[in-house]
Protein backbone atom coordinates (compact mmCIF):
# COMPACT_ATOMS: atom_id res chain seq x y z
CA MET A 1 64.92 141.40 108.69
CA ASP A 2 63.53 144.66 107.72
CA LEU A 3 61.78 143.87 104.28
CA GLU A 4 61.77 147.60 103.57
CA LEU A 5 57.99 147.13 102.75
CA LYS A 6 56.67 149.92 104.76
CA ASP A 7 54.18 152.10 103.08
CA LYS A 8 54.46 150.29 99.76
CA VAL A 9 51.25 149.40 97.92
CA ALA A 10 50.18 146.47 96.88
CA LEU A 11 47.18 145.17 94.96
CA VAL A 12 46.22 141.47 95.71
CA THR A 13 43.55 139.49 94.01
CA GLY A 14 41.62 136.82 96.14
CA GLY A 15 43.10 138.07 99.34
CA SER A 16 40.02 137.68 101.90
CA LYS A 17 40.74 133.59 102.38
CA GLY A 18 43.00 131.03 102.34
CA ILE A 19 46.67 131.54 100.63
CA GLY A 20 45.42 135.17 99.76
CA GLU A 21 44.13 135.96 103.10
CA GLY A 22 47.73 134.87 104.25
CA ILE A 23 49.38 137.23 101.84
CA VAL A 24 47.48 140.03 102.78
CA ARG A 25 48.04 139.83 106.51
CA SER A 26 51.61 139.38 105.92
CA LEU A 27 52.15 142.50 103.72
CA LEU A 28 50.16 144.16 106.40
CA ALA A 29 52.38 142.91 109.04
CA GLU A 30 55.54 144.38 107.15
CA GLY A 31 53.58 147.74 107.14
CA ALA A 32 52.64 147.74 103.58
CA LYS A 33 49.33 149.06 102.36
CA VAL A 34 46.90 146.49 100.73
CA ALA A 35 44.13 146.66 98.12
CA ASN A 36 42.53 143.53 98.18
CA VAL A 37 40.11 142.40 95.53
CA ASN A 38 37.77 139.63 95.97
CA ARG A 39 34.27 138.67 94.26
CA SER A 40 32.73 137.88 97.49
CA THR A 41 32.20 140.77 100.14
CA ALA A 42 31.75 139.47 103.56
CA GLU A 43 35.25 138.44 104.39
CA GLY A 44 36.90 141.26 102.57
CA GLU A 45 34.98 143.92 104.20
CA ALA A 46 35.95 142.15 107.81
CA LEU A 47 39.54 142.54 106.72
CA GLU A 48 38.95 146.01 106.35
CA ARG A 49 37.39 146.45 109.30
CA GLU A 50 39.99 144.41 111.38
CA TYR A 51 42.85 146.31 110.13
CA GLU A 52 41.10 149.72 109.86
CA ALA A 53 40.97 149.43 114.06
CA LEU A 54 44.67 148.72 113.97
CA GLY A 55 45.37 151.67 111.93
CA LYS A 56 46.49 149.67 108.94
CA GLU A 57 44.94 150.33 105.63
CA CYS A 58 43.32 147.03 103.82
CA PHE A 59 41.08 148.58 101.16
CA PHE A 60 38.60 145.93 99.94
CA LEU A 61 37.46 145.94 96.36
CA GLN A 62 34.71 143.99 95.20
CA ALA A 63 34.85 142.55 91.76
CA ASP A 64 34.28 139.72 89.43
CA LEU A 65 37.89 139.50 87.72
CA CYS A 66 36.28 137.74 84.90
CA ASN A 67 35.12 141.00 83.59
CA GLU A 68 37.87 142.98 81.86
CA GLN A 69 36.16 146.44 82.83
CA ALA A 70 36.34 145.22 86.40
CA CYS A 71 39.82 144.71 86.27
CA ALA A 72 40.42 148.06 84.82
CA GLU A 73 38.28 149.59 87.57
CA VAL A 74 40.00 147.98 90.42
CA VAL A 75 43.54 149.15 89.28
CA SER A 76 42.15 152.69 88.95
CA ARG A 77 40.37 152.40 92.39
CA ALA A 78 43.79 151.29 93.99
CA ILE A 79 45.66 154.10 92.49
CA ASP A 80 42.82 156.75 93.40
CA ARG A 81 43.13 155.56 97.19
CA PHE A 82 46.88 155.11 97.34
CA GLY A 83 48.50 157.08 94.30
CA ARG A 84 50.42 154.18 93.28
CA ILE A 85 50.99 150.50 92.79
CA ASP A 86 54.41 148.98 93.76
CA VAL A 87 53.25 145.07 94.18
CA LEU A 88 50.79 143.20 91.86
CA ILE A 89 50.10 139.82 93.37
CA ASN A 90 48.09 137.75 91.10
CA ASN A 91 46.38 135.16 93.32
CA ALA A 92 42.80 134.56 92.48
CA GLY A 93 41.34 131.39 90.89
CA VAL A 94 39.83 128.35 91.36
CA ASN A 95 40.45 124.50 90.57
CA ASP A 96 37.35 123.97 88.76
CA GLY A 97 37.49 120.51 87.34
CA VAL A 98 37.05 121.52 83.75
CA GLY A 99 38.20 118.43 81.96
CA ILE A 100 38.83 117.27 78.51
CA GLU A 101 35.10 116.08 78.14
CA ALA A 102 33.90 119.77 79.25
CA GLY A 103 33.75 121.25 75.80
CA LEU A 104 35.49 124.61 74.36
CA GLU A 105 32.90 126.88 76.04
CA ALA A 106 33.85 125.44 79.55
CA PHE A 107 37.69 125.33 79.02
CA VAL A 108 37.44 128.81 77.84
CA GLY A 109 35.25 129.58 80.94
CA SER A 110 38.22 128.10 83.06
CA LEU A 111 40.80 130.16 81.39
CA GLN A 112 38.77 133.31 82.24
CA ARG A 113 38.60 132.36 85.97
CA ASN A 114 42.40 131.29 86.37
CA LEU A 115 44.37 133.15 83.64
CA PHE A 116 42.75 136.09 81.61
CA HIS A 117 42.77 138.64 84.66
CA TYR A 118 46.32 137.78 85.31
CA TYR A 119 47.28 139.71 81.74
CA LEU A 120 44.70 142.06 82.24
CA LEU A 121 45.77 143.20 85.46
CA VAL A 122 49.36 143.54 84.57
CA HIS A 123 48.15 145.07 81.26
CA HIS A 124 46.07 148.00 83.40
CA SER A 125 48.76 148.12 85.91
CA LEU A 126 52.09 148.67 83.97
CA ALA A 127 52.03 152.36 83.91
CA GLU A 128 52.15 152.57 87.46
CA LEU A 129 54.46 149.65 87.79
CA LYS A 130 56.98 151.16 85.42
CA LYS A 131 56.72 154.20 87.54
CA SER A 132 57.60 152.46 90.82
CA ARG A 133 59.69 149.87 89.05
CA GLY A 134 57.34 147.38 90.79
CA VAL A 135 57.02 143.73 91.34
CA ILE A 136 54.67 141.23 89.96
CA ILE A 137 54.11 137.98 91.78
CA ASN A 138 51.85 135.20 89.88
CA ILE A 139 50.69 132.29 92.57
CA GLY A 140 50.73 129.45 90.37
CA SER A 141 50.19 125.62 91.06
CA LYS A 142 52.05 122.24 91.02
CA VAL A 143 49.52 121.03 88.92
CA SER A 144 51.24 123.19 85.97
CA VAL A 145 54.11 120.47 86.03
CA THR A 146 52.66 117.50 87.40
CA GLY A 147 49.08 117.41 86.12
CA GLN A 148 46.25 116.36 88.26
CA GLY A 149 43.46 114.61 85.89
CA GLY A 150 40.28 116.14 85.14
CA THR A 151 41.01 119.68 85.45
CA SER A 152 42.51 120.65 81.74
CA GLY A 153 41.30 124.05 82.17
CA TYR A 154 43.17 124.94 85.35
CA ALA A 155 46.35 122.76 84.41
CA ALA A 156 46.36 124.90 81.15
CA ALA A 157 46.02 128.11 82.71
CA LYS A 158 48.69 127.62 85.68
CA GLY A 159 50.91 126.36 82.65
CA ALA A 160 50.32 129.46 80.93
CA ILE A 161 51.10 131.31 84.31
CA ASN A 162 54.49 129.61 84.62
CA GLY A 163 55.07 130.56 80.91
CA LEU A 164 53.85 134.68 81.38
CA THR A 165 56.22 134.79 84.32
CA ARG A 166 59.35 134.00 82.47
CA GLU A 167 57.89 136.21 79.43
CA TRP A 168 56.92 139.21 81.67
CA ALA A 169 60.36 138.84 83.52
CA LEU A 170 62.21 139.43 80.54
CA ASP A 171 59.96 142.09 78.59
CA LEU A 172 59.74 144.26 81.56
CA ALA A 173 63.42 143.96 82.99
CA GLU A 174 64.43 147.17 81.12
CA PHE A 175 61.81 149.13 83.46
CA GLY A 176 63.30 147.11 86.47
CA ILE A 177 60.25 145.42 87.14
CA ARG A 178 60.66 141.83 88.80
CA VAL A 179 58.54 139.20 87.85
CA ASN A 180 58.41 135.51 89.90
CA ALA A 181 55.81 132.75 90.67
CA VAL A 182 54.98 130.98 93.73
CA LEU A 183 53.69 127.28 93.32
CA PRO A 184 52.10 125.85 96.31
CA ALA A 185 51.39 122.04 96.19
CA GLU A 186 49.29 120.64 99.37
CA THR A 187 48.65 123.64 101.26
CA TRP A 188 46.17 123.85 104.22
CA THR A 189 43.60 126.37 104.02
CA PRO A 190 39.93 126.23 105.00
CA LEU A 191 38.64 124.95 101.41
CA TYR A 192 41.35 122.20 101.64
CA SER A 193 39.93 121.14 105.39
CA HIS A 194 36.18 121.23 103.88
CA ILE A 195 37.23 118.92 101.06
CA ILE A 196 39.08 116.54 103.90
CA ASP A 197 36.21 116.55 106.00
CA ALA A 198 33.89 115.36 103.34
CA SER A 199 35.89 112.14 102.90
CA PRO A 200 34.52 108.87 104.36
CA ASP A 201 37.56 109.16 106.36
CA PRO A 202 39.20 112.72 107.31
CA ILE A 203 41.99 111.69 109.39
CA ALA A 204 43.19 108.78 107.39
CA ALA A 205 42.65 111.03 104.10
CA LYS A 206 44.58 113.98 105.70
CA ARG A 207 47.35 111.34 106.87
CA GLY A 208 47.63 110.00 103.41
CA ILE A 209 48.52 113.23 101.76
CA GLU A 210 50.89 114.01 104.44
CA ASN A 211 52.73 111.02 103.90
CA LEU A 212 53.46 112.04 100.56
CA ILE A 213 54.92 115.42 101.67
CA PRO A 214 58.74 114.74 102.36
CA LEU A 215 59.92 117.52 104.86
CA GLY A 216 58.09 117.08 108.06
CA HIS A 217 55.23 114.97 106.71
CA ARG A 218 52.73 117.97 106.81
CA PHE A 219 50.67 120.32 104.84
CA THR A 220 52.40 123.81 103.86
CA THR A 221 50.56 126.39 105.79
CA LYS A 222 49.39 129.34 104.23
CA GLU A 223 51.67 131.72 106.29
CA GLU A 224 54.79 129.86 104.91
CA LEU A 225 53.53 130.45 101.30
CA ALA A 226 53.08 134.17 102.13
CA ASP A 227 56.51 134.73 103.47
CA MET A 228 58.01 133.52 100.28
CA VAL A 229 55.55 135.88 98.47
CA VAL A 230 55.98 138.70 100.84
CA PHE A 231 59.92 137.94 100.55
CA LEU A 232 59.71 138.24 96.54
CA ALA A 233 57.69 141.44 96.79
CA SER A 234 60.30 143.00 98.93
CA PRO A 235 63.81 144.86 98.12
CA ARG A 236 65.60 142.47 99.66
CA SER A 237 64.91 140.16 96.66
CA SER A 238 65.98 143.33 94.31
CA HIS A 239 67.72 140.66 91.86
CA THR A 240 65.50 137.95 91.56
CA THR A 241 63.25 137.66 88.58
CA GLY A 242 61.85 135.27 86.40
CA GLN A 243 61.71 132.28 88.87
CA ILE A 244 59.42 129.69 89.48
CA ILE A 245 59.47 128.95 92.98
CA PHE A 246 58.26 125.90 94.87
CA VAL A 247 56.92 126.32 98.09
CA ASP A 248 55.83 122.56 99.05
CA GLY A 249 57.85 120.75 101.50
CA GLY A 250 59.55 118.94 98.51
CA TYR A 251 56.18 117.57 97.25
CA THR A 252 56.17 118.34 93.64
CA HIS A 253 59.96 117.25 92.90
CA PHE A 254 61.15 114.48 95.24
CA ASP A 255 61.08 110.54 94.28
CA ARG A 256 57.84 109.16 95.67
CA LYS A 257 59.49 105.79 97.00
CA TYR A 258 61.25 108.01 99.75
CA THR A 259 57.91 108.89 100.98
CA SER A 260 55.69 106.66 103.06
């Protein structure tokens, strides 16, 4: 199936590693041009060089998205480079373990890392998205509906992302802008691998989580997440908006008594 993304311009945050990297690679495979925003530089520059050698455009933008001016600047630089923005994918964030005891300053800091830049990037991209009748995709988390414990800031941010997805879908429908959210649960990434490897028995720890995932008793891959995101970014999903879609092998909603 041709997803009709050739030469479309996508701005992706946190696109240098993990789920974000999977999204960037899938977009490029479909012929899109990507502006990849990341705070760290090594991975982003390596991706840019890798795809430059293949004749594809993966423009790396270094920025700390906790800074509002930085959010405005990455949008401006992406437009300067490509002349337009067709797709905005808000992905950057971190499950930072800011719990109830941490206090207001830490809680607000968690919202800065996980929520505020979602709003700011939409705010600063809006004029271009109206021109292109574009697409916004927010990467959320199953934590927004299940809770996790010990991570109030992250849970609040991800819950707000669900709400903003619905709000923006309604608010922007008159401009032909579609807005959807994709929520991962247990997705295998280098970070998750590092966490598992730090446990006393990594094999048992991994198997214990896999046993809770009904479909295939395995982790979701970052490529499976990316494929859903890229489909939603494409004209092939032209009448889908305001949806909160779980790509999780049934982890979030299936009764646990049927897993073992």
